[in-house]
């Protein structure tokens, strides 16, 4: 087994770890699971915030067809 040390900018860390874990599922990364879970929690909080803004009329909802076309 080998150990590598990488320096990655904070704003790119979660994306890098998600990609790395996706490519090599058996890889062990110290603290990676916690960081990915933290990123997921951030994204869920943002989604709830957006839903509240839509309900309050501060933001318009996206049409489902447009959403699916983006995918």
PDB file of N, CA and C in Angstrom:
ATOM      1  N   UNK A   1       0.853  -1.181   0.000  1.00  0.00           N
ATOM      2  CA  UNK A   1       0.000   0.000   0.000  1.00  0.00           C
ATOM      3  C   UNK A   1       0.890   1.233   0.000  1.00  0.00           C
ATOM      4  N   UNK A   2       0.448   2.275  -0.701  1.00  0.00           N
ATOM      5  CA  UNK A   2       1.195   3.530  -0.761  1.00  0.00           C
ATOM      6  C   UNK A   2       0.365   4.661  -0.164  1.00  0.00           C
ATOM      7  N   UNK A   3       1.043   5.665   0.318  1.00  0.00           N
ATOM      8  CA  UNK A   3       0.391   6.840   0.878  1.00  0.00           C
ATOM      9  C   UNK A   3       0.805   8.049   0.061  1.00  0.00           C
ATOM     10  N   UNK A   4      -0.179   8.875  -0.299  1.00  0.00           N
ATOM     11  CA  UNK A   4       0.088  10.083  -1.068  1.00  0.00           C
ATOM     12  C   UNK A   4      -0.435  11.287  -0.291  1.00  0.00           C
ATOM     13  N   UNK A   5       0.236  12.398  -0.408  1.00  0.00           N
ATOM     14  CA  UNK A   5      -0.220  13.647   0.178  1.00  0.00           C
ATOM     15  C   UNK A   5      -0.479  14.622  -0.958  1.00  0.00           C
ATOM     16  N   UNK A   6      -1.696  15.141  -1.017  1.00  0.00           N
ATOM     17  CA  UNK A   6      -2.073  16.082  -2.068  1.00  0.00           C
ATOM     18  C   UNK A   6      -2.501  17.394  -1.436  1.00  0.00           C
ATOM     19  N   UNK A   7      -2.154  18.494  -2.075  1.00  0.00           N
ATOM     20  CA  UNK A   7      -2.629  19.802  -1.644  1.00  0.00           C
ATOM     21  C   UNK A   7      -3.664  20.259  -2.659  1.00  0.00           C
ATOM     22  N   UNK A   8      -4.914  20.397  -2.189  1.00  0.00           N
ATOM     23  CA  UNK A   8      -6.025  20.765  -3.064  1.00  0.00           C
ATOM     24  C   UNK A   8      -6.734  21.956  -2.437  1.00  0.00           C
ATOM     25  N   UNK A   9      -7.104  22.930  -3.267  1.00  0.00           N
ATOM     26  CA  UNK A   9      -7.814  24.102  -2.762  1.00  0.00           C
ATOM     27  C   UNK A   9      -9.105  23.666  -2.081  1.00  0.00           C
ATOM     28  N   UNK A  10      -9.451  24.358  -0.992  1.00  0.00           N
ATOM     29  CA  UNK A  10     -10.632  23.995  -0.201  1.00  0.00           C
ATOM     30  C   UNK A  10     -11.899  23.913  -1.032  1.00  0.00           C
ATOM     31  N   UNK A  11     -12.076  24.834  -1.965  1.00  0.00           N
ATOM     32  CA  UNK A  11     -13.322  24.846  -2.731  1.00  0.00           C
ATOM     33  C   UNK A  11     -13.382  23.723  -3.761  1.00  0.00           C
ATOM     34  N   UNK A  12     -12.300  22.990  -3.967  1.00  0.00           N
ATOM     35  CA  UNK A  12     -12.269  21.881  -4.926  1.00  0.00           C
ATOM     36  C   UNK A  12     -12.198  20.518  -4.240  1.00  0.00           C
ATOM     37  N   UNK A  13     -12.002  20.494  -2.923  1.00  0.00           N
ATOM     38  CA  UNK A  13     -11.779  19.249  -2.206  1.00  0.00           C
ATOM     39  C   UNK A  13     -12.935  18.271  -2.320  1.00  0.00           C
ATOM     40  N   UNK A  14     -14.157  18.716  -2.036  1.00  0.00           N
ATOM     41  CA  UNK A  14     -15.310  17.811  -2.054  1.00  0.00           C
ATOM     42  C   UNK A  14     -15.502  17.202  -3.437  1.00  0.00           C
ATOM     43  N   UNK A  15     -15.401  18.021  -4.467  1.00  0.00           N
ATOM     44  CA  UNK A  15     -15.549  17.533  -5.839  1.00  0.00           C
ATOM     45  C   UNK A  15     -14.475  16.497  -6.167  1.00  0.00           C
ATOM     46  N   UNK A  16     -13.241  16.780  -5.779  1.00  0.00           N
ATOM     47  CA  UNK A  16     -12.140  15.856  -6.030  1.00  0.00           C
ATOM     48  C   UNK A  16     -12.368  14.526  -5.323  1.00  0.00           C
ATOM     49  N   UNK A  17     -12.771  14.581  -4.064  1.00  0.00           N
ATOM     50  CA  UNK A  17     -12.982  13.355  -3.297  1.00  0.00           C
ATOM     51  C   UNK A  17     -14.140  12.531  -3.858  1.00  0.00           C
ATOM     52  N   UNK A  18     -15.224  13.192  -4.245  1.00  0.00           N
ATOM     53  CA  UNK A  18     -16.356  12.473  -4.830  1.00  0.00           C
ATOM     54  C   UNK A  18     -15.924  11.762  -6.105  1.00  0.00           C
ATOM     55  N   UNK A  19     -15.155  12.452  -6.940  1.00  0.00           N
ATOM     56  CA  UNK A  19     -14.687  11.859  -8.199  1.00  0.00           C
ATOM     57  C   UNK A  19     -13.742  10.697  -7.916  1.00  0.00           C
ATOM     58  N   UNK A  20     -12.835  10.869  -6.991  1.00  0.00           N
ATOM     59  CA  UNK A  20     -11.856   9.840  -6.675  1.00  0.00           C
ATOM     60  C   UNK A  20     -12.534   8.598  -6.109  1.00  0.00           C
ATOM     61  N   UNK A  21     -13.466   8.781  -5.206  1.00  0.00           N
ATOM     62  CA  UNK A  21     -14.180   7.650  -4.616  1.00  0.00           C
ATOM     63  C   UNK A  21     -15.020   6.957  -5.681  1.00  0.00           C
ATOM     64  N   UNK A  22     -15.578   7.729  -6.613  1.00  0.00           N
ATOM     65  CA  UNK A  22     -16.359   7.144  -7.697  1.00  0.00           C
ATOM     66  C   UNK A  22     -15.520   6.291  -8.634  1.00  0.00           C
ATOM     67  N   UNK A  23     -14.282   6.698  -8.856  1.00  0.00           N
ATOM     68  CA  UNK A  23     -13.388   5.971  -9.764  1.00  0.00           C
ATOM     69  C   UNK A  23     -12.805   4.731  -9.084  1.00  0.00           C
ATOM     70  N   UNK A  24     -12.420   4.893  -7.825  1.00  0.00           N
ATOM     71  CA  UNK A  24     -11.772   3.804  -7.090  1.00  0.00           C
ATOM     72  C   UNK A  24     -12.555   3.573  -5.790  1.00  0.00           C
ATOM     73  N   UNK A  25     -13.625   2.764  -5.847  1.00  0.00           N
ATOM     74  CA  UNK A  25     -14.486   2.590  -4.678  1.00  0.00           C
ATOM     75  C   UNK A  25     -13.791   1.992  -3.457  1.00  0.00           C
ATOM     76  N   UNK A  26     -12.709   1.262  -3.645  1.00  0.00           N
ATOM     77  CA  UNK A  26     -12.044   0.624  -2.504  1.00  0.00           C
ATOM     78  C   UNK A  26     -11.007   1.523  -1.836  1.00  0.00           C
ATOM     79  N   UNK A  27     -10.879   2.749  -2.313  1.00  0.00           N
ATOM     80  CA  UNK A  27      -9.862   3.661  -1.763  1.00  0.00           C
ATOM     81  C   UNK A  27     -10.252   4.115  -0.357  1.00  0.00           C
ATOM     82  N   UNK A  28      -9.264   4.259   0.491  1.00  0.00           N
ATOM     83  CA  UNK A  28      -9.486   4.738   1.846  1.00  0.00           C
ATOM     84  C   UNK A  28      -8.920   6.154   1.950  1.00  0.00           C
ATOM     85  N   UNK A  29      -9.785   7.098   2.323  1.00  0.00           N
ATOM     86  CA  UNK A  29      -9.348   8.487   2.443  1.00  0.00           C
ATOM     87  C   UNK A  29      -9.727   8.976   3.828  1.00  0.00           C
ATOM     88  N   UNK A  30      -8.730   9.390   4.595  1.00  0.00           N
ATOM     89  CA  UNK A  30      -8.993   9.875   5.937  1.00  0.00           C
ATOM     90  C   UNK A  30      -9.922  11.072   5.908  1.00  0.00           C
ATOM     91  N   UNK A  31     -11.031  10.978   6.607  1.00  0.00           N
ATOM     92  CA  UNK A  31     -11.967  12.090   6.706  1.00  0.00           C
ATOM     93  C   UNK A  31     -12.797  12.334   5.464  1.00  0.00           C
ATOM     94  N   UNK A  32     -12.620  11.546   4.411  1.00  0.00           N
ATOM     95  CA  UNK A  32     -13.326  11.797   3.148  1.00  0.00           C
ATOM     96  C   UNK A  32     -14.823  11.633   3.314  1.00  0.00           C
ATOM     97  N   UNK A  33     -15.249  10.593   3.991  1.00  0.00           N
ATOM     98  CA  UNK A  33     -16.676  10.345   4.159  1.00  0.00           C
ATOM     99  C   UNK A  33     -17.331  11.518   4.874  1.00  0.00           C
ATOM    100  N   UNK A  34     -16.669  12.023   5.891  1.00  0.00           N
ATOM    101  CA  UNK A  34     -17.211  13.148   6.651  1.00  0.00           C
ATOM    102  C   UNK A  34     -17.318  14.385   5.756  1.00  0.00           C
ATOM    103  N   UNK A  35     -16.315  14.632   4.910  1.00  0.00           N
ATOM    104  CA  UNK A  35     -16.340  15.790   4.016  1.00  0.00           C
ATOM    105  C   UNK A  35     -17.441  15.669   2.977  1.00  0.00           C
ATOM    106  N   UNK A  36     -17.616  14.476   2.427  1.00  0.00           N
ATOM    107  CA  UNK A  36     -18.655  14.260   1.416  1.00  0.00           C
ATOM    108  C   UNK A  36     -20.034  14.424   2.051  1.00  0.00           C
ATOM    109  N   UNK A  37     -20.210  13.877   3.268  1.00  0.00           N
ATOM    110  CA  UNK A  37     -21.482  14.029   3.969  1.00  0.00           C
ATOM    111  C   UNK A  37     -21.751  15.495   4.276  1.00  0.00           C
ATOM    112  N   UNK A  38     -20.711  16.239   4.637  1.00  0.00           N
ATOM    113  CA  UNK A  38     -20.851  17.663   4.913  1.00  0.00           C
ATOM    114  C   UNK A  38     -21.286  18.409   3.653  1.00  0.00           C
ATOM    115  N   UNK A  39     -20.702  18.065   2.526  1.00  0.00           N
ATOM    116  CA  UNK A  39     -21.058  18.695   1.249  1.00  0.00           C
ATOM    117  C   UNK A  39     -22.518  18.386   0.906  1.00  0.00           C
ATOM    118  N   UNK A  40     -22.925  17.149   1.113  1.00  0.00           N
ATOM    119  CA  UNK A  40     -24.306  16.750   0.845  1.00  0.00           C
ATOM    120  C   UNK A  40     -25.262  17.540   1.735  1.00  0.00           C
ATOM    121  N   UNK A  41     -24.914  17.688   3.000  1.00  0.00           N
ATOM    122  CA  UNK A  41     -25.750  18.447   3.927  1.00  0.00           C
ATOM    123  C   UNK A  41     -25.861  19.900   3.487  1.00  0.00           C
ATOM    124  N   UNK A  42     -24.758  20.489   3.026  1.00  0.00           N
ATOM    125  CA  UNK A  42     -24.782  21.863   2.513  1.00  0.00           C
ATOM    126  C   UNK A  42     -25.738  21.988   1.331  1.00  0.00           C
ATOM    127  N   UNK A  43     -25.662  21.025   0.417  1.00  0.00           N
ATOM    128  CA  UNK A  43     -26.511  21.053  -0.772  1.00  0.00           C
ATOM    129  C   UNK A  43     -27.991  20.888  -0.403  1.00  0.00           C
ATOM    130  N   UNK A  44     -28.273  20.044   0.586  1.00  0.00           N
ATOM    131  CA  UNK A  44     -29.656  19.872   1.036  1.00  0.00           C
ATOM    132  C   UNK A  44     -30.187  21.156   1.681  1.00  0.00           C
ATOM    133  N   UNK A  45     -29.353  21.805   2.472  1.00  0.00           N
ATOM    134  CA  UNK A  45     -29.756  23.070   3.092  1.00  0.00           C
ATOM    135  C   UNK A  45     -30.063  24.114   2.023  1.00  0.00           C
ATOM    136  N   UNK A  46     -29.243  24.167   0.993  1.00  0.00           N
ATOM    137  CA  UNK A  46     -29.463  25.115  -0.107  1.00  0.00           C
ATOM    138  C   UNK A  46     -30.767  24.799  -0.828  1.00  0.00           C
ATOM    139  N   UNK A  47     -31.053  23.515  -1.026  1.00  0.00           N
ATOM    140  CA  UNK A  47     -32.294  23.115  -1.695  1.00  0.00           C
ATOM    141  C   UNK A  47     -33.515  23.529  -0.876  1.00  0.00           C
ATOM    142  N   UNK A  48     -33.449  23.340   0.433  1.00  0.00           N
ATOM    143  CA  UNK A  48     -34.560  23.740   1.311  1.00  0.00           C
ATOM    144  C   UNK A  48     -34.739  25.250   1.261  1.00  0.00           C
ATOM    145  N   UNK A  49     -33.633  25.983   1.275  1.00  0.00           N
ATOM    146  CA  UNK A  49     -33.688  27.441   1.192  1.00  0.00           C
ATOM    147  C   UNK A  49     -34.359  27.880  -0.111  1.00  0.00           C
ATOM    148  N   UNK A  50     -33.989  27.243  -1.223  1.00  0.00           N
ATOM    149  CA  UNK A  50     -34.592  27.573  -2.517  1.00  0.00           C
ATOM    150  C   UNK A  50     -36.090  27.280  -2.516  1.00  0.00           C
ATOM    151  N   UNK A  51     -36.491  26.154  -1.933  1.00  0.00           N
ATOM    152  CA  UNK A  51     -37.915  25.801  -1.871  1.00  0.00           C
ATOM    153  C   UNK A  51     -38.699  26.839  -1.061  1.00  0.00           C
ATOM    154  N   UNK A  52     -38.125  27.288   0.040  1.00  0.00           N
ATOM    155  CA  UNK A  52     -38.785  28.308   0.863  1.00  0.00           C
ATOM    156  C   UNK A  52     -38.941  29.610   0.083  1.00  0.00           C
ATOM    157  N   UNK A  53     -37.912  29.979  -0.687  1.00  0.00           N
ATOM    158  CA  UNK A  53     -37.971  31.195  -1.495  1.00  0.00           C
ATOM    159  C   UNK A  53     -39.039  31.076  -2.585  1.00  0.00           C
ATOM    160  N   UNK A  54     -39.171  29.901  -3.168  1.00  0.00           N
ATOM    161  CA  UNK A  54     -40.200  29.678  -4.190  1.00  0.00           C
ATOM    162  C   UNK A  54     -41.588  29.803  -3.572  1.00  0.00           C
ATOM    163  N   UNK A  55     -41.782  29.179  -2.410  1.00  0.00           N
ATOM    164  CA  UNK A  55     -43.075  29.247  -1.729  1.00  0.00           C
ATOM    165  C   UNK A  55     -43.424  30.678  -1.319  1.00  0.00           C
ATOM    166  N   UNK A  56     -42.400  31.457  -0.963  1.00  0.00           N
ATOM    167  CA  UNK A  56     -42.612  32.837  -0.534  1.00  0.00           C
ATOM    168  C   UNK A  56     -42.774  33.791  -1.717  1.00  0.00           C
ATOM    169  N   UNK A  57     -42.573  33.286  -2.932  1.00  0.00           N
ATOM    170  CA  UNK A  57     -42.713  34.112  -4.119  1.00  0.00           C
ATOM    171  C   UNK A  57     -41.488  34.942  -4.450  1.00  0.00           C
ATOM    172  N   UNK A  58     -40.381  34.687  -3.767  1.00  0.00           N
ATOM    173  CA  UNK A  58     -39.144  35.435  -4.018  1.00  0.00           C
ATOM    174  C   UNK A  58     -38.356  34.866  -5.195  1.00  0.00           C
ATOM    175  N   UNK A  59     -38.760  33.698  -5.633  1.00  0.00           N
ATOM    176  CA  UNK A  59     -38.060  33.013  -6.717  1.00  0.00           C
ATOM    177  C   UNK A  59     -39.095  32.219  -7.503  1.00  0.00           C
ATOM    178  N   UNK A  60     -38.848  32.053  -8.796  1.00  0.00           N
ATOM    179  CA  UNK A  60     -39.795  31.277  -9.600  1.00  0.00           C
ATOM    180  C   UNK A  60     -39.303  29.840  -9.735  1.00  0.00           C
ATOM    181  N   UNK A  61     -40.231  28.920  -9.729  1.00  0.00           N
ATOM    182  CA  UNK A  61     -39.890  27.507  -9.867  1.00  0.00           C
ATOM    183  C   UNK A  61     -39.535  27.199 -11.311  1.00  0.00           C
ATOM    184  N   UNK A  62     -38.675  26.246 -11.494  1.00  0.00           N
ATOM    185  CA  UNK A  62     -38.274  25.827 -12.831  1.00  0.00           C
ATOM    186  C   UNK A  62     -39.279  24.785 -13.334  1.00  0.00           C
ATOM    187  N   UNK A  63     -39.647  24.893 -14.584  1.00  0.00           N
ATOM    188  CA  UNK A  63     -40.540  23.934 -15.216  1.00  0.00           C
ATOM    189  C   UNK A  63     -39.880  22.557 -15.214  1.00  0.00           C
ATOM    190  N   UNK A  64     -40.648  21.506 -14.917  1.00  0.00           N
ATOM    191  CA  UNK A  64     -40.101  20.150 -14.852  1.00  0.00           C
ATOM    192  C   UNK A  64     -39.467  19.734 -16.175  1.00  0.00           C
ATOM    193  N   UNK A  65     -40.086  20.112 -17.279  1.00  0.00           N
ATOM    194  CA  UNK A  65     -39.539  19.752 -18.589  1.00  0.00           C
ATOM    195  C   UNK A  65     -38.177  20.406 -18.801  1.00  0.00           C
ATOM    196  N   UNK A  66     -38.042  21.672 -18.415  1.00  0.00           N
ATOM    197  CA  UNK A  66     -36.748  22.364 -18.525  1.00  0.00           C
ATOM    198  C   UNK A  66     -35.696  21.692 -17.658  1.00  0.00           C
ATOM    199  N   UNK A  67     -36.110  21.322 -16.452  1.00  0.00           N
ATOM    200  CA  UNK A  67     -35.190  20.638 -15.529  1.00  0.00           C
ATOM    201  C   UNK A  67     -34.681  19.340 -16.148  1.00  0.00           C
ATOM    202  N   UNK A  68     -35.589  18.537 -16.676  1.00  0.00           N
ATOM    203  CA  UNK A  68     -35.196  17.262 -17.273  1.00  0.00           C
ATOM    204  C   UNK A  68     -34.335  17.452 -18.516  1.00  0.00           C
ATOM    205  N   UNK A  69     -34.581  18.503 -19.264  1.00  0.00           N
ATOM    206  CA  UNK A  69     -33.760  18.773 -20.441  1.00  0.00           C
ATOM    207  C   UNK A  69     -32.331  19.144 -20.064  1.00  0.00           C
ATOM    208  N   UNK A  70     -32.142  19.729 -18.882  1.00  0.00           N
ATOM    209  CA  UNK A  70     -30.796  20.075 -18.412  1.00  0.00           C
ATOM    210  C   UNK A  70     -29.990  18.819 -18.093  1.00  0.00           C
ATOM    211  N   UNK A  71     -30.688  17.776 -17.681  1.00  0.00           N
ATOM    212  CA  UNK A  71     -29.991  16.532 -17.335  1.00  0.00           C
ATOM    213  C   UNK A  71     -29.484  15.885 -18.590  1.00  0.00           C
TER     214      UNK A  71
END
